[in-house]
Amino acid sequence: MRLDGRRALVTGAAGGIGRGVALALAEAGADLALIDISPEGLDEAASTIAATGRVVRTKVADVTGGYTAQ
């Protein structure tokens, strides 16, 4: 499936599953907005994705709303 001309928002994009999803979307042709609480991880993910030729934007944010698992 190609995603050329599409945009995707990925939370938790600095590592793990989120980073893998972001890279897969970029390789499929999507431009990306990445969100995570780790600025360093976001920078690394954005550099990797930018190397695919896709447009990538980042935002450091905590989207959990203060939720913590018990």
N, C-alpha and C. Protein backbone atom coordinates (compact mmCIF):
# COMPACT_ATOMS: atom_id res chain seq x y z
N MET A 1 0.84 -1.17 0.00
CA MET A 1 0.00 0.00 0.00
C MET A 1 0.89 1.24 0.00
N ARG A 2 0.65 2.15 -0.91
CA ARG A 2 1.39 3.40 -1.00
C ARG A 2 0.61 4.51 -0.31
N LEU A 3 1.33 5.41 0.35
CA LEU A 3 0.71 6.53 1.07
C LEU A 3 1.23 7.87 0.56
N ASP A 4 1.69 7.90 -0.68
CA ASP A 4 2.19 9.14 -1.26
C ASP A 4 1.13 10.24 -1.17
N GLY A 5 1.56 11.45 -0.76
CA GLY A 5 0.65 12.57 -0.65
C GLY A 5 -0.19 12.56 0.61
N ARG A 6 0.01 11.58 1.48
CA ARG A 6 -0.74 11.50 2.74
C ARG A 6 0.14 11.96 3.89
N ARG A 7 -0.51 12.28 5.00
CA ARG A 7 0.19 12.67 6.22
C ARG A 7 -0.26 11.77 7.36
N ALA A 8 0.66 11.51 8.27
CA ALA A 8 0.33 10.65 9.42
C ALA A 8 0.88 11.28 10.70
N LEU A 9 0.16 11.11 11.79
CA LEU A 9 0.56 11.54 13.11
C LEU A 9 0.87 10.29 13.92
N VAL A 10 2.07 10.24 14.51
CA VAL A 10 2.46 9.06 15.29
C VAL A 10 2.87 9.52 16.68
N THR A 11 2.21 8.99 17.71
CA THR A 11 2.60 9.27 19.09
C THR A 11 3.52 8.15 19.56
N GLY A 12 4.36 8.46 20.53
CA GLY A 12 5.32 7.46 21.01
C GLY A 12 6.34 7.14 19.94
N ALA A 13 6.67 8.13 19.11
CA ALA A 13 7.47 7.91 17.91
C ALA A 13 8.98 7.85 18.15
N ALA A 14 9.43 8.10 19.37
CA ALA A 14 10.88 8.13 19.62
C ALA A 14 11.49 6.74 19.73
N GLY A 15 10.70 5.73 19.95
CA GLY A 15 11.27 4.40 20.10
C GLY A 15 10.23 3.31 20.01
N GLY A 16 10.69 2.09 20.01
CA GLY A 16 9.82 0.93 20.04
C GLY A 16 8.84 0.84 18.89
N ILE A 17 7.63 0.45 19.21
CA ILE A 17 6.59 0.26 18.19
C ILE A 17 6.29 1.56 17.46
N GLY A 18 6.20 2.67 18.18
CA GLY A 18 5.89 3.95 17.54
C GLY A 18 6.92 4.34 16.49
N ARG A 19 8.19 4.15 16.82
CA ARG A 19 9.25 4.46 15.85
C ARG A 19 9.17 3.54 14.64
N GLY A 20 8.91 2.27 14.88
CA GLY A 20 8.78 1.31 13.78
C GLY A 20 7.61 1.65 12.87
N VAL A 21 6.49 2.04 13.45
CA VAL A 21 5.32 2.44 12.67
C VAL A 21 5.64 3.69 11.85
N ALA A 22 6.29 4.67 12.49
CA ALA A 22 6.64 5.90 11.78
C ALA A 22 7.54 5.62 10.59
N LEU A 23 8.53 4.76 10.76
CA LEU A 23 9.43 4.44 9.67
C LEU A 23 8.70 3.70 8.55
N ALA A 24 7.82 2.78 8.91
CA ALA A 24 7.05 2.05 7.90
C ALA A 24 6.16 2.99 7.10
N LEU A 25 5.53 3.94 7.79
CA LEU A 25 4.68 4.92 7.11
C LEU A 25 5.50 5.79 6.15
N ALA A 26 6.68 6.20 6.60
CA ALA A 26 7.56 7.01 5.75
C ALA A 26 8.00 6.22 4.53
N GLU A 27 8.36 4.98 4.73
CA GLU A 27 8.79 4.15 3.60
C GLU A 27 7.65 3.90 2.61
N ALA A 28 6.41 3.99 3.10
CA ALA A 28 5.24 3.84 2.23
C ALA A 28 4.88 5.16 1.55
N GLY A 29 5.59 6.25 1.89
CA GLY A 29 5.39 7.51 1.20
C GLY A 29 4.71 8.62 1.98
N ALA A 30 4.35 8.38 3.24
CA ALA A 30 3.66 9.40 4.03
C ALA A 30 4.64 10.41 4.61
N ASP A 31 4.20 11.66 4.71
CA ASP A 31 4.91 12.67 5.49
C ASP A 31 4.41 12.53 6.93
N LEU A 32 5.25 12.91 7.90
CA LEU A 32 4.93 12.57 9.28
C LEU A 32 5.02 13.73 10.27
N ALA A 33 4.16 13.65 11.28
CA ALA A 33 4.26 14.46 12.49
C ALA A 33 4.51 13.46 13.62
N LEU A 34 5.61 13.65 14.33
CA LEU A 34 6.00 12.72 15.40
C LEU A 34 5.87 13.40 16.75
N ILE A 35 5.31 12.68 17.70
CA ILE A 35 5.14 13.20 19.07
C ILE A 35 5.71 12.20 20.06
N ASP A 36 6.46 12.71 21.04
CA ASP A 36 6.99 11.86 22.11
C ASP A 36 7.46 12.77 23.23
N ILE A 37 7.73 12.18 24.39
CA ILE A 37 8.24 12.97 25.53
C ILE A 37 9.76 13.04 25.52
N SER A 38 10.40 12.30 24.63
CA SER A 38 11.86 12.26 24.57
C SER A 38 12.39 13.11 23.41
N PRO A 39 12.93 14.29 23.70
CA PRO A 39 13.45 15.12 22.61
C PRO A 39 14.61 14.46 21.86
N GLU A 40 15.48 13.77 22.59
CA GLU A 40 16.62 13.11 21.94
C GLU A 40 16.14 11.99 21.02
N GLY A 41 15.20 11.20 21.49
CA GLY A 41 14.66 10.12 20.68
C GLY A 41 13.94 10.63 19.45
N LEU A 42 13.22 11.74 19.61
CA LEU A 42 12.53 12.35 18.47
C LEU A 42 13.53 12.83 17.43
N ASP A 43 14.60 13.45 17.88
CA ASP A 43 15.62 13.92 16.94
C ASP A 43 16.20 12.76 16.14
N GLU A 44 16.49 11.65 16.81
CA GLU A 44 17.04 10.49 16.12
C GLU A 44 16.04 9.91 15.13
N ALA A 45 14.79 9.78 15.55
CA ALA A 45 13.75 9.24 14.67
C ALA A 45 13.54 10.16 13.47
N ALA A 46 13.51 11.47 13.70
CA ALA A 46 13.30 12.42 12.62
C ALA A 46 14.44 12.37 11.62
N SER A 47 15.67 12.22 12.09
CA SER A 47 16.82 12.12 11.18
C SER A 47 16.72 10.88 10.30
N THR A 48 16.34 9.76 10.91
CA THR A 48 16.20 8.52 10.15
C THR A 48 15.11 8.65 9.10
N ILE A 49 13.99 9.25 9.48
CA ILE A 49 12.86 9.40 8.55
C ILE A 49 13.18 10.43 7.46
N ALA A 50 13.83 11.51 7.82
CA ALA A 50 14.19 12.53 6.82
C ALA A 50 15.09 11.93 5.75
N ALA A 51 15.90 10.95 6.12
CA ALA A 51 16.79 10.29 5.15
C ALA A 51 16.01 9.52 4.09
N THR A 52 14.73 9.23 4.35
CA THR A 52 13.90 8.55 3.34
C THR A 52 13.33 9.55 2.34
N GLY A 53 13.57 10.85 2.58
CA GLY A 53 13.06 11.87 1.68
C GLY A 53 11.69 12.40 2.05
N ARG A 54 11.15 11.96 3.16
CA ARG A 54 9.82 12.39 3.61
C ARG A 54 9.94 13.66 4.46
N VAL A 55 8.88 14.44 4.49
CA VAL A 55 8.80 15.61 5.37
C VAL A 55 8.45 15.10 6.76
N VAL A 56 9.16 15.59 7.75
CA VAL A 56 8.90 15.15 9.13
C VAL A 56 8.95 16.36 10.06
N ARG A 57 7.97 16.44 10.94
CA ARG A 57 7.89 17.48 11.97
C ARG A 57 7.84 16.76 13.32
N THR A 58 8.35 17.41 14.35
CA THR A 58 8.33 16.80 15.68
C THR A 58 7.74 17.75 16.71
N LYS A 59 7.22 17.16 17.77
CA LYS A 59 6.69 17.93 18.91
C LYS A 59 6.93 17.12 20.17
N VAL A 60 7.59 17.72 21.13
CA VAL A 60 7.77 17.07 22.43
C VAL A 60 6.51 17.31 23.24
N ALA A 61 5.85 16.22 23.62
CA ALA A 61 4.61 16.34 24.39
C ALA A 61 4.31 15.02 25.09
N ASP A 62 3.57 15.11 26.17
CA ASP A 62 3.07 13.95 26.91
C ASP A 62 1.57 13.86 26.61
N VAL A 63 1.17 12.86 25.84
CA VAL A 63 -0.23 12.75 25.45
C VAL A 63 -1.03 11.83 26.36
N THR A 64 -0.43 11.41 27.48
CA THR A 64 -1.13 10.49 28.38
C THR A 64 -2.16 11.18 29.25
N GLY A 65 -2.10 12.51 29.34
CA GLY A 65 -3.05 13.22 30.18
C GLY A 65 -2.83 12.93 31.66
N GLY A 66 -1.63 12.55 32.02
CA GLY A 66 -1.32 12.26 33.41
C GLY A 66 -1.66 10.84 33.85
N TYR A 67 -2.14 10.02 32.92
CA TYR A 67 -2.50 8.64 33.25
C TYR A 67 -1.25 7.82 33.53
N THR A 68 -1.30 7.02 34.57
CA THR A 68 -0.24 6.07 34.84
C THR A 68 -0.87 4.72 35.11
N ALA A 69 -0.30 3.68 34.52
CA ALA A 69 -0.83 2.32 34.72
C ALA A 69 -0.58 1.89 36.16
N GLN A 70 -1.49 1.10 36.69
CA GLN A 70 -1.34 0.64 38.07
C GLN A 70 -1.12 -0.84 38.11
